[in-house]
Amino acid sequence: MGLDGPVVFVILIVVLLLFGGKKIPELMKGLGKGVKEFKDAQDPSKDEEKPKV
């Protein structure tokens, strides 16, 4: 059982009503940063490539 088109559409409408149009980009930006930090933490080899300042 997956998420069909109408179900996703209803979820998006509910999120828009709850948070408003101005808050959604901020939420997505924070979510993106969190996912990036999580992926960076999962791959320790990237830490070796970054120069230590």
N, C-alpha and C. Protein backbone atom coordinates (compact mmCIF):
# COMPACT_ATOMS: atom_id res chain seq x y z
N MET A 1 0.84 -1.18 0.00
CA MET A 1 0.00 0.00 0.00
C MET A 1 0.89 1.25 0.00
N GLY A 2 0.87 1.96 -1.09
CA GLY A 2 1.69 3.16 -1.21
C GLY A 2 0.84 4.41 -1.12
N LEU A 3 1.50 5.52 -1.24
CA LEU A 3 0.79 6.80 -1.22
C LEU A 3 0.38 7.14 -2.65
N ASP A 4 -0.91 7.17 -2.90
CA ASP A 4 -1.41 7.51 -4.22
C ASP A 4 -1.43 9.02 -4.39
N GLY A 5 -1.67 9.48 -5.61
CA GLY A 5 -1.67 10.90 -5.92
C GLY A 5 -2.63 11.72 -5.08
N PRO A 6 -3.90 11.31 -4.97
CA PRO A 6 -4.85 12.11 -4.17
C PRO A 6 -4.47 12.18 -2.69
N VAL A 7 -3.90 11.12 -2.16
CA VAL A 7 -3.50 11.12 -0.74
C VAL A 7 -2.37 12.12 -0.52
N VAL A 8 -1.39 12.12 -1.40
CA VAL A 8 -0.28 13.07 -1.29
C VAL A 8 -0.79 14.50 -1.42
N PHE A 9 -1.74 14.71 -2.33
CA PHE A 9 -2.31 16.04 -2.52
C PHE A 9 -3.01 16.52 -1.26
N VAL A 10 -3.78 15.67 -0.62
CA VAL A 10 -4.49 16.03 0.60
C VAL A 10 -3.48 16.34 1.72
N ILE A 11 -2.42 15.55 1.82
CA ILE A 11 -1.40 15.79 2.84
C ILE A 11 -0.74 17.15 2.61
N LEU A 12 -0.43 17.48 1.37
CA LEU A 12 0.19 18.77 1.07
C LEU A 12 -0.74 19.93 1.42
N ILE A 13 -2.03 19.78 1.16
CA ILE A 13 -3.00 20.83 1.50
C ILE A 13 -3.06 21.02 3.03
N VAL A 14 -3.06 19.92 3.76
CA VAL A 14 -3.12 20.00 5.23
C VAL A 14 -1.87 20.68 5.77
N VAL A 15 -0.71 20.33 5.24
CA VAL A 15 0.55 20.97 5.68
C VAL A 15 0.52 22.46 5.37
N LEU A 16 0.02 22.81 4.20
CA LEU A 16 -0.07 24.23 3.84
C LEU A 16 -1.00 24.98 4.78
N LEU A 17 -2.11 24.36 5.15
CA LEU A 17 -3.04 25.02 6.08
C LEU A 17 -2.46 25.14 7.48
N LEU A 18 -1.71 24.13 7.92
CA LEU A 18 -1.16 24.15 9.27
C LEU A 18 -0.03 25.17 9.42
N PHE A 19 0.88 25.20 8.46
CA PHE A 19 2.09 26.01 8.61
C PHE A 19 2.06 27.31 7.84
N GLY A 20 1.23 27.42 6.84
CA GLY A 20 1.19 28.65 6.03
C GLY A 20 2.27 28.65 4.97
N GLY A 21 2.07 29.47 3.96
CA GLY A 21 2.98 29.50 2.82
C GLY A 21 4.36 30.03 3.12
N LYS A 22 4.49 30.91 4.09
CA LYS A 22 5.80 31.52 4.38
C LYS A 22 6.69 30.60 5.20
N LYS A 23 6.08 29.71 5.97
CA LYS A 23 6.86 28.89 6.88
C LYS A 23 7.41 27.64 6.19
N ILE A 24 6.77 27.18 5.12
CA ILE A 24 7.15 25.93 4.48
C ILE A 24 8.58 25.97 3.93
N PRO A 25 9.02 27.02 3.22
CA PRO A 25 10.42 27.04 2.75
C PRO A 25 11.43 26.94 3.88
N GLU A 26 11.13 27.59 5.02
CA GLU A 26 12.03 27.50 6.17
C GLU A 26 12.09 26.08 6.70
N LEU A 27 10.95 25.41 6.76
CA LEU A 27 10.91 24.02 7.23
C LEU A 27 11.70 23.10 6.29
N MET A 28 11.54 23.30 4.99
CA MET A 28 12.25 22.46 4.01
C MET A 28 13.75 22.71 4.06
N LYS A 29 14.15 23.97 4.28
CA LYS A 29 15.57 24.30 4.39
C LYS A 29 16.18 23.61 5.60
N GLY A 30 15.49 23.66 6.72
CA GLY A 30 15.96 22.98 7.93
C GLY A 30 16.02 21.48 7.75
N LEU A 31 15.01 20.92 7.07
CA LEU A 31 15.00 19.48 6.82
C LEU A 31 16.17 19.09 5.92
N GLY A 32 16.44 19.90 4.91
CA GLY A 32 17.56 19.62 4.01
C GLY A 32 18.90 19.66 4.73
N LYS A 33 19.08 20.63 5.60
CA LYS A 33 20.32 20.72 6.38
C LYS A 33 20.47 19.49 7.29
N GLY A 34 19.37 19.09 7.90
CA GLY A 34 19.41 17.92 8.78
C GLY A 34 19.77 16.65 8.04
N VAL A 35 19.21 16.46 6.85
CA VAL A 35 19.52 15.28 6.05
C VAL A 35 20.97 15.31 5.61
N LYS A 36 21.47 16.50 5.22
CA LYS A 36 22.87 16.61 4.79
C LYS A 36 23.82 16.28 5.94
N GLU A 37 23.53 16.81 7.13
CA GLU A 37 24.38 16.52 8.28
C GLU A 37 24.34 15.04 8.63
N PHE A 38 23.18 14.43 8.50
CA PHE A 38 23.05 13.00 8.79
C PHE A 38 23.87 12.17 7.81
N LYS A 39 23.80 12.53 6.53
CA LYS A 39 24.58 11.79 5.52
C LYS A 39 26.08 11.99 5.74
N ASP A 40 26.47 13.21 6.10
CA ASP A 40 27.89 13.47 6.37
C ASP A 40 28.37 12.67 7.57
N ALA A 41 27.54 12.52 8.57
CA ALA A 41 27.91 11.75 9.76
C ALA A 41 27.99 10.25 9.45
N GLN A 42 27.24 9.80 8.46
CA GLN A 42 27.25 8.38 8.10
C GLN A 42 28.53 8.00 7.36
N ASP A 43 29.16 8.95 6.68
CA ASP A 43 30.33 8.66 5.85
C ASP A 43 31.57 9.30 6.47
N PRO A 44 32.31 8.56 7.30
CA PRO A 44 33.47 9.15 7.98
C PRO A 44 34.62 9.49 7.03
N SER A 45 34.66 8.92 5.83
CA SER A 45 35.76 9.21 4.90
C SER A 45 35.73 10.65 4.43
N LYS A 46 34.54 11.29 4.43
CA LYS A 46 34.45 12.69 4.02
C LYS A 46 35.14 13.61 5.02
N ASP A 47 35.18 13.21 6.28
CA ASP A 47 35.84 14.03 7.29
C ASP A 47 37.32 14.15 7.02
N GLU A 48 37.93 13.11 6.47
CA GLU A 48 39.35 13.14 6.18
C GLU A 48 39.68 14.07 5.02
N GLU A 49 38.74 14.22 4.07
CA GLU A 49 38.99 15.06 2.90
C GLU A 49 38.88 16.54 3.22
N LYS A 50 38.08 16.92 4.21
CA LYS A 50 37.89 18.32 4.54
C LYS A 50 39.13 18.87 5.24
N PRO A 51 39.61 20.03 4.81
CA PRO A 51 40.77 20.62 5.50
C PRO A 51 40.38 21.12 6.86
N LYS A 52 41.23 20.87 7.83
CA LYS A 52 41.00 21.34 9.19
C LYS A 52 41.55 22.75 9.31
N VAL A 53 40.72 23.68 9.74
CA VAL A 53 41.15 25.08 9.84
C VAL A 53 41.24 25.47 11.28
